[in-house]
Protein backbone atom coordinates (compact mmCIF):
# COMPACT_ATOMS: atom_id res chain seq x y z
CA MET A 1 142.66 -94.45 124.69
CA ILE A 2 139.91 -92.37 122.69
CA ASN A 3 140.92 -88.06 123.06
CA VAL A 4 137.22 -86.72 123.92
CA THR A 5 137.62 -82.73 123.93
CA LYS A 6 133.79 -80.76 124.68
CA THR A 7 132.64 -79.18 121.35
CA HIS A 8 129.03 -77.21 122.64
CA GLU A 9 126.89 -76.10 125.84
CA ILE A 10 123.42 -77.65 126.48
CA THR A 11 120.50 -75.35 126.43
CA VAL A 12 117.61 -74.79 127.05
CA ASP A 13 114.61 -72.98 125.44
CA VAL A 14 111.33 -72.87 126.97
CA VAL A 15 108.70 -71.05 125.06
CA ILE A 16 105.67 -69.88 127.58
CA LEU A 17 102.11 -69.57 125.09
CA THR A 18 98.95 -67.85 127.12
CA LEU A 19 95.77 -66.66 125.07
CA LYS A 20 95.83 -63.29 126.64
CA ASN A 21 92.93 -60.56 124.77
CA ASN A 22 91.74 -63.20 122.06
CA GLN A 23 95.17 -63.74 120.42
CA ILE A 24 97.93 -66.45 120.63
CA GLN A 25 100.93 -64.56 122.61
CA VAL A 26 104.81 -65.34 123.99
CA LEU A 27 106.37 -64.05 126.53
CA LEU A 28 109.70 -62.94 125.35
CA VAL A 29 112.74 -61.14 126.95
CA LYS A 30 114.56 -58.23 125.99
CA ARG A 31 118.93 -59.70 125.89
CA LEU A 32 121.02 -57.74 127.85
CA ASN A 33 124.59 -58.30 126.16
CA GLU A 34 125.57 -59.38 123.05
CA PRO A 35 125.00 -61.55 120.04
CA PHE A 36 122.03 -59.98 119.51
CA LYS A 37 121.92 -56.84 122.50
CA ASP A 38 118.26 -56.07 122.99
CA LYS A 39 117.01 -58.82 120.01
CA TRP A 40 113.84 -60.27 122.01
CA ALA A 41 114.28 -64.21 122.57
CA ILE A 42 112.48 -67.47 124.80
CA PRO A 43 113.28 -67.51 127.81
CA GLY A 44 115.88 -70.23 128.46
CA GLY A 45 119.54 -71.06 130.68
CA TYR A 46 122.23 -73.35 130.12
CA VAL A 47 121.52 -76.85 131.52
CA ARG A 48 123.54 -77.11 134.87
CA LEU A 49 125.54 -80.33 136.04
CA SER A 50 122.61 -81.33 138.53
CA GLU A 51 120.20 -80.97 136.06
CA ASN A 52 118.27 -83.41 133.66
CA LEU A 53 116.59 -81.64 130.14
CA ASP A 54 113.67 -81.70 132.14
CA GLN A 55 114.52 -80.30 135.04
CA ALA A 56 116.28 -77.03 133.85
CA ALA A 57 113.12 -76.90 131.28
CA LEU A 58 111.06 -76.77 134.31
CA ARG A 59 113.13 -74.93 136.44
CA VAL A 60 113.18 -72.01 133.63
CA LEU A 61 109.65 -72.40 133.31
CA LYS A 62 109.20 -71.78 137.72
CA GLU A 63 111.35 -68.94 136.76
CA ARG A 64 109.74 -67.31 134.67
CA THR A 65 106.20 -67.96 135.39
CA ASN A 66 105.84 -69.18 139.17
CA VAL A 67 102.96 -71.11 138.28
CA ASP A 68 102.03 -74.22 138.53
CA ASN A 69 98.97 -75.28 136.21
CA ILE A 70 101.01 -75.83 133.18
CA TYR A 71 100.81 -78.02 129.85
CA LEU A 72 104.79 -78.82 128.80
CA GLU A 73 106.29 -80.38 127.08
CA GLN A 74 109.79 -81.30 124.73
CA LEU A 75 109.58 -79.35 121.43
CA TYR A 76 112.58 -80.71 119.55
CA THR A 77 116.22 -80.50 119.85
CA PHE A 78 117.42 -77.36 116.80
CA GLY A 79 121.29 -78.22 117.18
CA ASP A 80 122.72 -75.92 113.61
CA PRO A 81 126.23 -75.49 113.45
CA LEU A 82 124.63 -71.49 112.94
CA ARG A 83 122.19 -70.54 115.19
CA HIS A 84 124.84 -69.40 117.65
CA PRO A 85 127.31 -66.54 116.06
CA ASN A 86 130.66 -67.20 118.63
CA ALA A 87 129.25 -70.96 120.05
CA ARG A 88 128.42 -74.12 118.93
CA VAL A 89 125.38 -74.35 121.39
CA ILE A 90 122.92 -76.77 121.36
CA THR A 91 119.74 -76.81 122.49
CA CYS A 92 116.34 -78.70 123.44
CA ALA A 93 113.53 -76.56 122.56
CA TYR A 94 109.99 -76.97 124.80
CA PHE A 95 107.00 -74.91 125.36
CA ALA A 96 104.15 -74.60 127.15
CA LEU A 97 101.12 -73.76 127.82
CA VAL A 98 100.05 -71.69 130.25
CA ARG A 99 96.24 -70.17 131.45
CA ALA A 100 96.47 -65.99 131.45
CA GLU A 101 94.55 -66.27 134.88
CA ASP A 102 98.01 -68.18 136.96
CA LEU A 103 99.83 -65.31 135.35
CA ASN A 104 101.05 -62.82 137.72
CA ILE A 105 104.04 -61.17 135.83
CA THR A 106 105.57 -58.19 135.75
CA VAL A 107 105.97 -56.65 132.13
CA SER A 108 108.77 -54.49 131.47
CA PRO A 109 111.02 -53.22 129.10
CA GLU A 110 112.12 -57.07 128.84
CA VAL A 111 109.91 -58.44 129.53
CA GLY A 112 107.13 -58.79 127.85
CA TRP A 113 104.34 -60.93 126.06
CA HIS A 114 103.58 -60.52 122.91
CA LYS A 115 101.39 -62.02 119.95
CA VAL A 116 102.60 -64.63 118.35
CA SER A 117 100.97 -63.53 115.18
CA ASP A 118 103.00 -60.26 114.61
CA LEU A 119 106.58 -60.91 116.44
CA PRO A 120 108.90 -58.55 116.31
CA PRO A 121 112.75 -59.29 114.88
CA LEU A 122 114.12 -62.39 117.27
CA ALA A 123 117.58 -63.42 118.92
CA PHE A 124 118.74 -67.39 116.60
CA ASP A 125 116.54 -68.84 115.26
CA HIS A 126 113.93 -68.10 117.84
CA LYS A 127 111.05 -67.53 115.64
CA GLU A 128 111.99 -70.50 113.83
CA ILE A 129 111.64 -72.34 117.93
CA ILE A 130 107.63 -70.30 118.01
CA GLU A 131 106.38 -72.29 115.06
CA TYR A 132 107.51 -75.21 115.44
CA SER A 133 105.47 -74.64 118.72
CA MET A 134 102.48 -74.09 116.63
CA LYS A 135 102.32 -75.97 114.22
CA ARG A 136 103.48 -79.14 117.85
CA THR A 137 99.80 -77.56 120.02
CA ARG A 138 98.62 -77.72 115.85
CA GLU A 139 98.91 -81.39 116.19
CA ARG A 140 98.26 -82.63 119.76
CA LEU A 141 94.81 -80.80 119.21
CA GLU A 142 94.00 -84.22 117.59
CA LEU A 143 95.42 -86.32 120.18
CA CYS A 144 94.07 -84.53 123.33
CA PRO A 145 93.34 -81.23 124.31
CA VAL A 146 95.67 -79.76 125.91
CA ALA A 147 94.51 -76.18 124.75
CA TYR A 148 91.92 -76.21 127.56
CA GLN A 149 95.37 -75.36 129.92
CA LEU A 150 94.92 -71.94 127.51
CA LEU A 151 91.15 -71.10 129.19
CA ASN A 152 90.56 -70.75 132.87
CA GLU A 153 89.51 -73.53 134.74
CA LYS A 154 86.00 -72.71 134.24
CA PHE A 155 84.80 -71.88 129.95
CA THR A 156 81.74 -72.00 127.74
CA LEU A 157 82.26 -73.98 124.36
CA THR A 158 81.75 -70.71 123.32
CA GLU A 159 85.42 -70.21 125.14
CA MET A 160 86.82 -73.47 123.51
CA GLN A 161 86.16 -72.95 120.12
CA LYS A 162 87.78 -69.98 120.42
CA ALA A 163 91.02 -71.18 121.50
CA TYR A 164 91.31 -74.47 119.12
CA GLU A 165 90.30 -71.35 116.09
CA LEU A 166 93.22 -69.49 117.78
CA ILE A 167 95.33 -72.69 117.81
CA MET A 168 95.01 -74.18 114.26
CA GLY A 169 94.19 -70.18 112.54
CA LYS A 170 90.77 -71.04 110.89
CA LYS A 171 87.43 -70.82 112.07
CA LEU A 172 85.20 -73.80 113.37
CA ASP A 173 81.69 -74.35 112.54
CA LYS A 174 79.84 -73.91 115.32
CA ARG A 175 78.10 -77.40 115.38
CA ASN A 176 80.40 -79.71 114.25
CA PHE A 177 82.75 -78.47 116.77
CA ARG A 178 79.75 -78.93 120.07
CA LYS A 179 79.54 -81.85 119.55
CA LYS A 180 82.56 -83.10 118.93
CA ALA A 181 83.46 -80.97 122.65
CA LEU A 182 80.80 -82.93 124.17
CA ALA A 183 82.35 -85.93 122.71
CA THR A 184 85.95 -85.74 124.27
CA ASP A 185 86.99 -87.73 127.51
CA GLY A 186 87.94 -85.50 130.84
CA LEU A 187 85.09 -82.96 130.05
CA ILE A 188 82.77 -81.84 132.74
CA GLU A 189 79.46 -80.52 132.70
CA LEU A 190 79.28 -77.84 135.36
CA ASP A 191 75.80 -77.24 137.63
CA GLU A 192 77.37 -73.75 136.43
CA TYR A 193 76.12 -71.12 134.24
CA THR A 194 77.76 -67.94 133.57
CA LYS A 195 77.05 -64.74 135.04
CA SER A 196 76.13 -61.69 132.80
CA SER A 197 73.70 -58.80 132.80
CA SER A 198 73.77 -58.18 129.02
CA LYS A 199 73.86 -61.90 128.12
CA ARG A 200 71.65 -64.81 127.91
CA PRO A 201 73.70 -67.30 130.32
CA ALA A 202 76.27 -70.08 129.26
CA ARG A 203 76.97 -73.61 131.24
CA LEU A 204 80.55 -74.42 132.19
CA TYR A 205 82.08 -76.61 131.54
CA THR A 206 85.95 -77.65 132.90
CA PHE A 207 88.53 -80.97 132.92
CA GLU A 208 90.58 -83.19 134.40
CA ASN A 209 91.97 -86.73 134.51
CA ILE A 210 93.36 -85.30 130.42
CA LYS A 211 95.44 -88.25 129.98
CA LEU A 212 98.97 -87.97 127.35
CA ASN A 213 100.73 -90.40 124.97
CA SER A 214 103.91 -89.09 125.07
CA LYS A 215 106.61 -89.39 127.44
CA ARG A 216 107.77 -85.79 126.21
CA ALA A 217 104.66 -84.26 127.61
CA HIS A 218 103.78 -83.15 132.03
CA PHE A 219 100.95 -81.96 132.99
CA ILE A 220 102.47 -79.79 136.09
CA LYS A 221 99.37 -79.31 138.34
CA LYS A 222 98.73 -76.57 140.72
CA GLU A 223 101.02 -77.71 144.22
CA ASN A 224 98.33 -78.42 147.69
CA ASN A 225 99.35 -75.91 150.49
C-alpha cells in the first residue's frame, strides 16, 4: 500500500482587469500578514474542500467585485516550489475582464486599482501572473472580441479601438480596425448615438451571442432579478 502524504496547498488567484481613466488597471489587495506583509497582491484564496477550481475562482471574484457581467478564463497553474517562502503552495490563476460601469468597489488603503503599466512591488510571483494574463488577453483578441467586456454595454467604435490599443500596446489604423470590427460576429449596430454638445454624435454598438472556443473561458451574465 502506498503511503500518500499531503505535500502542498491549492489556491486560486484572480487577476481582475478593467478599463479606468484610459488605462488597463488591475485590482490589488494589500497583504496584512507575512509573508510579504504590506505588499500588494492579486485577490485569491485557498480552494475549499467542497469546491472545484472554477467555483473557487467565481467565489473570489464575487467577493471582490459583486458583479455578474464578467469574462473569466482559467489562465495557468503556477507551481514553482519556491513561489511561496514558507510552504508548498500551487495556485491556479484566472483572469477576469470587468466593465468599470458595473463595479462598485470601495477603494481603501488595503484595496485599490493599479495601472498594469505601472505596478507597485508585488508579493509572490504575482507580477508574472499579471503579465501572463495580459499576454493571454492579447491572444484572445485574435479569436473573439473579449475587449468589449472592458467597455460600457453600449460603446462607439472609437472606444472599442482604444480598448484594443491599450491591450495590444500599440496604435491601430482607424480604417482597417473599423472594417474588421464591423465584420465581427456578434457586433450589433444600434439606432442610438452619443449625446455630446461638443462633438459630432457617434453611433453606438453592443455585442451579443459571443461564442467561445475554450472550455477554460466563461461569460458570466448579469442575473435577472
